[in-house]
Amino acid sequence: MADDRKQKLTYADAGVDIKAGEAAVQKIKALAHKTFTPGVLSDIGSFGGFFRPEFQSMNRPVLISSADGVGTKLKLAFMTGRHNTCGEDLVNHCVDDILVHGAKALFFLDYIATGKLHPDIIAEIVEGFSRGCLNAGAALLGGETAELPDFYQPGEYDLAGFIVGIVDQDKVINGVHVTDGDVCIGLPSNGLHTNGYTLARKVAFDIAKLKPGDRVEELGDTIDNALMKVHRLYAPIIHPLIEQFDIHAMAHITGGGIPGNLNRVLPPRVDAVIEKGSWPVLPIFSWLERTGNIDPDDMYNSFNMGIGYVLVVAQTDAGAVLEWLAGKGEKAYRIGAITEGTGRIRFKS
């Protein structure tokens, strides 16, 4: 008589390892606990993250939130096996986005999705989240780690981040006071930050035929080190600055470069005229432009070109702001001015 009993199918057989997920959570907890602030009321593993903000010092508290990803910069993590910086990239990007409105980050949530869950790699990613949150004074409040077999290529994953911050409504910075005659001040970037990597990877690895670890003398470093420099966090210098000065507007220079971001905080009655050559373009951008034979306009529309954050201040305050920044050891450049217009960004050579 034939045995018609069938082997029982388990979730692990289908590709989801629940034990690996539990191991990852244990690694995440220790890293998250380092970031916990007094407002955190829950632990990692709860169905939701509990946070009690303190509103006593504010007249009309406003919560400001944002969500983002790291884009194809993750491809470099896959190529190099270096997973402990992309989480920090993501936290810094999200914090900088709400910073432009004057908000202080309260807490951060992450989403990690992968085809097969490797607890050690997850721990490396969360190490970056933890470091970024510590630097920003935000709590890593929780998140989701999803194992999705057959959805991602082996060894690959995707990240998303969600930030919530707070600012008093009377201190919100939104560009409404920007006017003709204001000055644009640029703060330097570390490199590409988290944008332009599809184009940069094509130049570096398809056109130049480089491999991770190959040294580029013009850059003074290996190509992977140059491309993987961590997205800069501007909060430590910006928060004390906005307590000292009346800042009319701020812009985080991400995808779309200066033209695609500074315009987001301009009233429709003005333009920003940006002077090329008023700041040092980082070597990585010059190398990419020459090696890839990229049109100069495409460079400014694809990359930050060495300016990661822009302040718009009254002309009468510009000198004092620059002097204050210099006193804090911060390089800053007068990169342009506001004129009458229609809300556009114009470049002047």
Protein backbone atom coordinates (compact mmCIF):
# COMPACT_ATOMS: atom_id res chain seq x y z
CA MET A 1 0.00 0.00 0.00
CA ALA A 2 1.45 3.32 -1.08
CA ASP A 3 2.29 5.86 1.64
CA ASP A 4 0.24 8.93 0.74
CA ARG A 5 1.50 10.98 3.63
CA LYS A 6 3.04 14.27 2.51
CA GLN A 7 5.87 16.17 4.13
CA LYS A 8 4.50 19.15 6.01
CA LEU A 9 5.41 22.50 4.48
CA THR A 10 6.85 25.11 6.87
CA TYR A 11 7.28 28.87 6.56
CA ALA A 12 11.06 28.27 6.54
CA ASP A 13 10.62 25.94 3.52
CA ALA A 14 8.90 28.82 1.73
CA GLY A 15 11.88 31.07 2.46
CA VAL A 16 10.93 32.99 5.62
CA ASP A 17 13.13 32.30 8.63
CA ILE A 18 11.25 33.46 11.74
CA LYS A 19 14.15 32.53 14.03
CA ALA A 20 16.49 34.73 12.00
CA GLY A 21 14.00 37.56 12.41
CA GLU A 22 13.92 37.08 16.15
CA ALA A 23 17.74 37.07 16.24
CA ALA A 24 17.79 40.32 14.27
CA VAL A 25 15.38 41.95 16.71
CA GLN A 26 17.65 41.09 19.63
CA LYS A 27 20.61 42.74 17.87
CA ILE A 28 18.48 45.78 17.04
CA LYS A 29 17.29 46.30 20.63
CA ALA A 30 20.74 47.02 22.03
CA LEU A 31 21.50 49.51 19.26
CA ALA A 32 18.14 51.25 19.63
CA HIS A 33 18.43 51.53 23.42
CA LYS A 34 21.52 53.72 22.97
CA THR A 35 19.33 56.34 21.29
CA PHE A 36 16.41 56.36 23.72
CA THR A 37 15.56 59.80 25.04
CA PRO A 38 13.34 60.61 28.07
CA GLY A 39 10.29 60.76 25.79
CA VAL A 40 10.48 57.07 24.83
CA LEU A 41 7.88 54.98 26.68
CA SER A 42 8.09 51.66 24.81
CA ASP A 43 10.65 49.05 23.86
CA ILE A 44 11.60 47.63 20.48
CA GLY A 45 9.21 44.81 19.60
CA SER A 46 5.98 46.53 20.60
CA PHE A 47 3.20 46.88 18.05
CA GLY A 48 3.79 50.62 18.10
CA GLY A 49 6.39 53.03 19.40
CA PHE A 50 5.31 55.25 22.31
CA PHE A 51 6.75 58.76 22.60
CA ARG A 52 5.73 61.53 25.00
CA PRO A 53 6.92 64.95 23.76
CA GLU A 54 7.42 67.90 26.07
CA PHE A 55 5.43 70.93 24.92
CA GLN A 56 5.82 73.20 27.95
CA SER A 57 8.39 75.48 26.30
CA MET A 58 6.28 76.03 23.17
CA ASN A 59 3.28 78.24 22.56
CA ARG A 60 1.92 76.32 19.56
CA PRO A 61 3.89 73.12 18.93
CA VAL A 62 3.85 71.79 15.38
CA LEU A 63 4.93 68.27 14.40
CA ILE A 64 6.86 68.05 11.14
CA SER A 65 7.46 64.69 9.47
CA SER A 66 9.20 63.28 6.43
CA ALA A 67 9.96 59.95 4.77
CA ASP A 68 12.75 59.01 2.39
CA GLY A 69 15.08 56.31 1.12
CA VAL A 70 18.76 55.98 0.18
CA GLY A 71 18.19 55.16 -3.49
CA THR A 72 20.79 53.31 -5.50
CA LYS A 73 23.59 54.26 -3.12
CA LEU A 74 22.62 50.90 -1.63
CA LYS A 75 24.14 49.24 -4.69
CA LEU A 76 27.54 50.33 -3.37
CA ALA A 77 26.83 48.65 -0.06
CA PHE A 78 26.02 45.45 -1.93
CA MET A 79 29.16 45.74 -4.08
CA THR A 80 31.49 46.38 -1.15
CA GLY A 81 29.84 44.45 1.67
CA ARG A 82 29.84 47.64 3.76
CA HIS A 83 26.44 47.97 5.37
CA ASN A 84 27.13 50.13 8.44
CA THR A 85 26.89 53.57 6.79
CA CYS A 86 23.70 53.48 4.69
CA GLY A 87 21.53 53.65 7.82
CA GLU A 88 23.34 56.79 8.95
CA ASP A 89 22.91 58.25 5.45
CA LEU A 90 19.17 57.75 5.74
CA VAL A 91 18.80 59.24 9.22
CA ASN A 92 20.85 62.29 8.28
CA HIS A 93 18.88 62.82 5.07
CA CYS A 94 15.55 62.66 6.92
CA VAL A 95 16.71 64.92 9.78
CA ASP A 96 18.05 67.50 7.32
CA ASP A 97 14.73 67.52 5.46
CA ILE A 98 12.70 68.64 8.49
CA LEU A 99 15.53 70.85 9.71
CA VAL A 100 14.87 73.32 6.89
CA HIS A 101 11.66 74.29 8.68
CA GLY A 102 13.44 74.68 12.02
CA ALA A 103 12.24 71.36 13.47
CA LYS A 104 14.18 69.35 16.03
CA ALA A 105 14.05 65.61 15.42
CA LEU A 106 12.14 63.63 18.06
CA PHE A 107 12.16 60.07 16.76
CA PHE A 108 12.98 57.95 13.73
CA LEU A 109 11.37 54.77 12.37
CA ASP A 110 12.98 52.46 9.83
CA TYR A 111 11.84 49.91 7.28
CA ILE A 112 14.24 47.23 6.05
CA ALA A 113 13.10 44.76 3.37
CA THR A 114 15.19 41.90 2.03
CA GLY A 115 14.82 38.58 0.28
CA LYS A 116 16.68 36.58 2.91
CA LEU A 117 17.26 37.94 6.37
CA HIS A 118 20.84 37.89 7.66
CA PRO A 119 20.89 39.11 11.28
CA ASP A 120 24.50 40.30 11.13
CA ILE A 121 23.82 42.48 8.06
CA ILE A 122 20.65 43.85 9.67
CA ALA A 123 22.71 44.70 12.75
CA GLU A 124 25.23 46.59 10.60
CA ILE A 125 22.46 48.60 8.96
CA VAL A 126 20.88 49.41 12.32
CA GLU A 127 24.30 50.39 13.67
CA GLY A 128 24.15 53.24 11.15
CA PHE A 129 20.60 54.14 12.20
CA SER A 130 21.71 54.21 15.83
CA ARG A 131 24.76 56.38 15.16
CA GLY A 132 22.73 58.83 13.09
CA CYS A 133 20.01 59.09 15.72
CA LEU A 134 22.56 59.64 18.49
CA ASN A 135 24.18 62.46 16.52
CA ALA A 136 20.78 64.05 15.86
CA GLY A 137 19.44 63.64 19.39
CA ALA A 138 16.57 61.54 18.07
CA ALA A 139 15.27 58.22 19.36
CA LEU A 140 15.30 55.12 17.18
CA LEU A 141 11.75 54.33 18.23
CA GLY A 142 11.01 51.25 16.15
CA GLY A 143 10.53 49.96 12.65
CA GLU A 144 9.92 46.92 10.49
CA THR A 145 12.23 44.24 9.15
CA ALA A 146 10.52 42.36 6.33
CA GLU A 147 11.79 39.11 4.80
CA LEU A 148 10.30 38.86 1.30
CA PRO A 149 11.59 35.77 -0.57
CA ASP A 150 11.80 36.08 -4.38
CA PHE A 151 11.16 39.83 -4.16
CA TYR A 152 14.78 41.03 -4.02
CA GLN A 153 17.95 39.78 -5.65
CA PRO A 154 20.15 37.65 -3.36
CA GLY A 155 22.23 39.88 -1.06
CA GLU A 156 20.12 42.97 -1.71
CA TYR A 157 17.72 44.98 0.46
CA ASP A 158 15.89 48.28 0.53
CA LEU A 159 15.59 50.90 3.24
CA ALA A 160 13.09 53.59 4.10
CA GLY A 161 13.14 56.05 6.97
CA PHE A 162 10.47 58.10 8.72
CA ILE A 163 11.26 61.10 10.91
CA VAL A 164 9.07 63.19 13.22
CA GLY A 165 10.25 66.49 14.66
CA ILE A 166 8.82 69.50 16.46
CA VAL A 167 8.97 73.27 16.18
CA ASP A 168 6.99 76.13 17.71
CA GLN A 169 4.65 77.52 15.05
CA ASP A 170 5.98 81.01 15.71
CA LYS A 171 9.46 79.78 14.74
CA VAL A 172 8.60 77.83 11.60
CA ILE A 173 10.92 78.72 8.71
CA ASN A 174 9.07 78.45 5.40
CA GLY A 175 10.40 81.11 3.04
CA VAL A 176 7.53 83.60 3.32
CA HIS A 177 9.90 86.37 4.38
CA VAL A 178 12.37 85.89 1.52
CA THR A 179 12.68 89.15 -0.38
CA ASP A 180 14.66 90.93 -3.08
CA GLY A 181 18.20 91.64 -1.84
CA ASP A 182 18.50 88.63 0.47
CA VAL A 183 21.74 86.64 0.36
CA CYS A 184 22.18 82.89 -0.26
CA ILE A 185 24.80 81.19 1.89
CA GLY A 186 25.93 77.65 1.09
CA LEU A 187 27.28 75.03 3.49
CA PRO A 188 29.51 72.35 1.99
CA SER A 189 28.52 68.75 1.38
CA ASN A 190 30.68 65.67 2.04
CA GLY A 191 30.17 64.35 -1.46
CA LEU A 192 27.15 63.00 -3.32
CA HIS A 193 25.22 62.49 -0.08
CA THR A 194 22.30 60.25 -1.17
CA ASN A 195 21.49 61.46 -4.68
CA GLY A 196 22.75 61.01 -8.22
CA TYR A 197 24.07 57.49 -7.74
CA THR A 198 22.53 55.90 -10.83
CA LEU A 199 24.49 58.35 -12.98
CA ALA A 200 27.62 58.19 -10.80
CA ARG A 201 27.71 54.38 -10.85
CA LYS A 202 27.36 54.35 -14.63
CA VAL A 203 30.35 56.69 -14.96
CA ALA A 204 32.53 54.91 -12.39
CA PHE A 205 31.80 51.27 -13.14
CA ASP A 206 30.53 51.18 -16.75
CA ILE A 207 32.44 53.99 -18.45
CA ALA A 208 35.63 54.13 -16.35
CA LYS A 209 35.52 50.34 -15.79
CA LEU A 210 36.59 50.73 -12.17
CA LYS A 211 36.00 48.22 -9.44
CA PRO A 212 35.46 48.89 -5.72
CA GLY A 213 38.88 49.30 -4.16
CA ASP A 214 40.44 50.89 -7.26
CA ARG A 215 42.26 54.09 -6.33
CA VAL A 216 41.61 57.32 -8.25
CA GLU A 217 44.55 59.66 -7.70
CA GLU A 218 42.51 62.76 -8.51
CA LEU A 219 40.23 61.88 -5.62
CA GLY A 220 43.01 60.83 -3.26
CA ASP A 221 41.01 57.74 -2.37
CA THR A 222 39.43 54.58 -3.72
CA ILE A 223 36.34 55.06 -5.85
CA ASP A 224 34.08 53.30 -3.35
CA ASN A 225 35.32 55.41 -0.44
CA ALA A 226 34.79 58.58 -2.45
CA LEU A 227 31.26 57.61 -3.44
CA MET A 228 30.22 56.25 -0.04
CA LYS A 229 31.05 59.31 2.07
CA VAL A 230 28.26 59.67 4.62
CA HIS A 231 25.49 62.16 4.00
CA ARG A 232 26.25 65.16 6.18
CA LEU A 233 24.08 66.02 9.21
CA TYR A 234 23.55 69.79 9.47
CA ALA A 235 21.43 69.89 12.63
CA PRO A 236 24.32 70.42 15.10
CA ILE A 237 25.32 73.69 13.41
CA ILE A 238 21.88 74.87 12.24
CA HIS A 239 19.94 74.66 15.51
CA PRO A 240 22.20 77.08 17.41
CA LEU A 241 22.40 79.30 14.30
CA ILE A 242 18.63 79.79 14.06
CA GLU A 243 18.53 80.72 17.75
CA GLN A 244 20.91 83.60 17.00
CA PHE A 245 19.69 84.91 13.64
CA ASP A 246 16.51 85.51 11.66
CA ILE A 247 16.84 83.00 8.84
CA HIS A 248 14.36 83.64 6.01
CA ALA A 249 14.62 80.21 4.37
CA MET A 250 16.70 77.05 4.26
CA ALA A 251 17.02 74.31 1.65
CA HIS A 252 18.44 70.80 1.87
CA ILE A 253 20.15 70.12 -1.46
CA THR A 254 19.13 66.60 -2.48
CA GLY A 255 17.85 65.10 -5.74
CA GLY A 256 17.60 67.83 -8.36
CA GLY A 257 20.54 69.77 -6.99
CA ILE A 258 20.29 73.46 -6.13
CA PRO A 259 17.75 74.19 -8.93
CA GLY A 260 15.37 71.46 -7.74
CA ASN A 261 15.48 72.28 -4.03
CA LEU A 262 16.15 75.95 -3.37
CA ASN A 263 13.12 76.78 -5.54
CA ARG A 264 10.92 74.86 -3.06
CA VAL A 265 11.34 77.59 -0.43
CA LEU A 266 11.13 80.65 -2.67
CA PRO A 267 8.00 82.80 -2.91
CA PRO A 268 6.70 83.15 -6.48
CA ARG A 269 7.69 86.83 -6.57
CA VAL A 270 11.48 86.26 -6.45
CA ASP A 271 14.32 84.34 -8.12
CA ALA A 272 17.61 83.11 -6.69
CA VAL A 273 20.67 83.97 -8.75
CA ILE A 274 23.45 81.50 -7.94
CA GLU A 275 27.03 82.35 -8.85
CA LYS A 276 29.02 79.43 -10.21
CA GLY A 277 32.58 79.51 -8.93
CA SER A 278 31.63 81.08 -5.61
CA TRP A 279 32.35 77.80 -3.79
CA PRO A 280 34.87 74.99 -4.40
CA VAL A 281 33.32 72.14 -6.41
CA LEU A 282 34.45 68.87 -4.83
CA PRO A 283 36.89 66.74 -6.86
CA ILE A 284 34.38 63.86 -7.14
CA PHE A 285 32.05 66.06 -9.19
CA SER A 286 34.80 67.35 -11.49
CA TRP A 287 35.97 63.77 -12.04
CA LEU A 288 32.46 62.52 -12.81
CA GLU A 289 31.79 65.38 -15.25
CA ARG A 290 35.02 64.85 -17.18
CA THR A 291 35.06 61.05 -17.11
CA GLY A 292 31.42 60.71 -18.11
CA ASN A 293 31.44 63.70 -20.50
CA ILE A 294 28.35 64.94 -18.66
CA ASP A 295 26.71 68.18 -19.73
CA PRO A 296 27.39 70.92 -17.12
CA ASP A 297 23.68 71.66 -16.78
CA ASP A 298 23.03 67.98 -16.05
CA MET A 299 25.68 68.08 -13.35
CA TYR A 300 23.92 70.92 -11.51
CA ASN A 301 20.53 69.24 -11.97
CA SER A 302 21.74 65.81 -10.78
CA PHE A 303 24.22 66.52 -8.00
CA ASN A 304 24.67 68.94 -5.10
CA MET A 305 28.04 70.01 -6.61
CA GLY A 306 29.56 70.56 -3.18
CA ILE A 307 26.76 72.53 -1.51
CA GLY A 308 24.55 70.41 0.73
CA TYR A 309 22.53 73.09 2.52
CA VAL A 310 21.54 76.67 1.68
CA LEU A 311 20.53 79.53 3.97
CA VAL A 312 18.68 82.63 2.79
CA VAL A 313 19.26 85.63 5.05
CA ALA A 314 18.76 89.37 4.96
CA GLN A 315 21.62 91.25 3.33
CA THR A 316 22.20 93.12 6.59
CA ASP A 317 22.68 89.82 8.45
CA ALA A 318 24.83 87.98 5.89
CA GLY A 319 28.20 89.16 7.19
CA ALA A 320 27.34 88.34 10.79
CA VAL A 321 26.02 84.89 9.85
CA LEU A 322 29.19 84.09 7.91
CA GLU A 323 31.33 85.34 10.79
CA TRP A 324 29.32 83.28 13.32
CA LEU A 325 29.69 80.14 11.19
CA ALA A 326 33.42 80.70 10.80
CA GLY A 327 33.71 81.07 14.57
CA LYS A 328 32.16 77.62 14.94
CA GLY A 329 34.66 76.13 12.49
CA GLU A 330 32.05 75.86 9.73
CA LYS A 331 33.01 76.67 6.15
CA ALA A 332 30.35 78.70 4.40
CA TYR A 333 30.16 80.58 1.13
CA ARG A 334 28.16 83.52 -0.18
CA ILE A 335 26.82 81.77 -3.28
CA GLY A 336 24.13 84.10 -4.61
CA ALA A 337 21.36 86.59 -4.04
CA ILE A 338 17.61 86.96 -4.28
CA THR A 339 16.15 89.20 -6.98
CA GLU A 340 12.68 89.98 -8.25
CA GLY A 341 11.38 87.12 -10.37
CA THR A 342 8.98 84.22 -10.63
CA GLY A 343 10.31 81.60 -8.20
CA ARG A 344 13.11 80.27 -10.41
CA ILE A 345 16.78 79.43 -9.83
CA ARG A 346 19.16 81.10 -12.27
CA PHE A 347 22.89 80.49 -12.54
CA LYS A 348 25.46 83.16 -13.30
CA SER A 349 29.01 82.25 -14.34
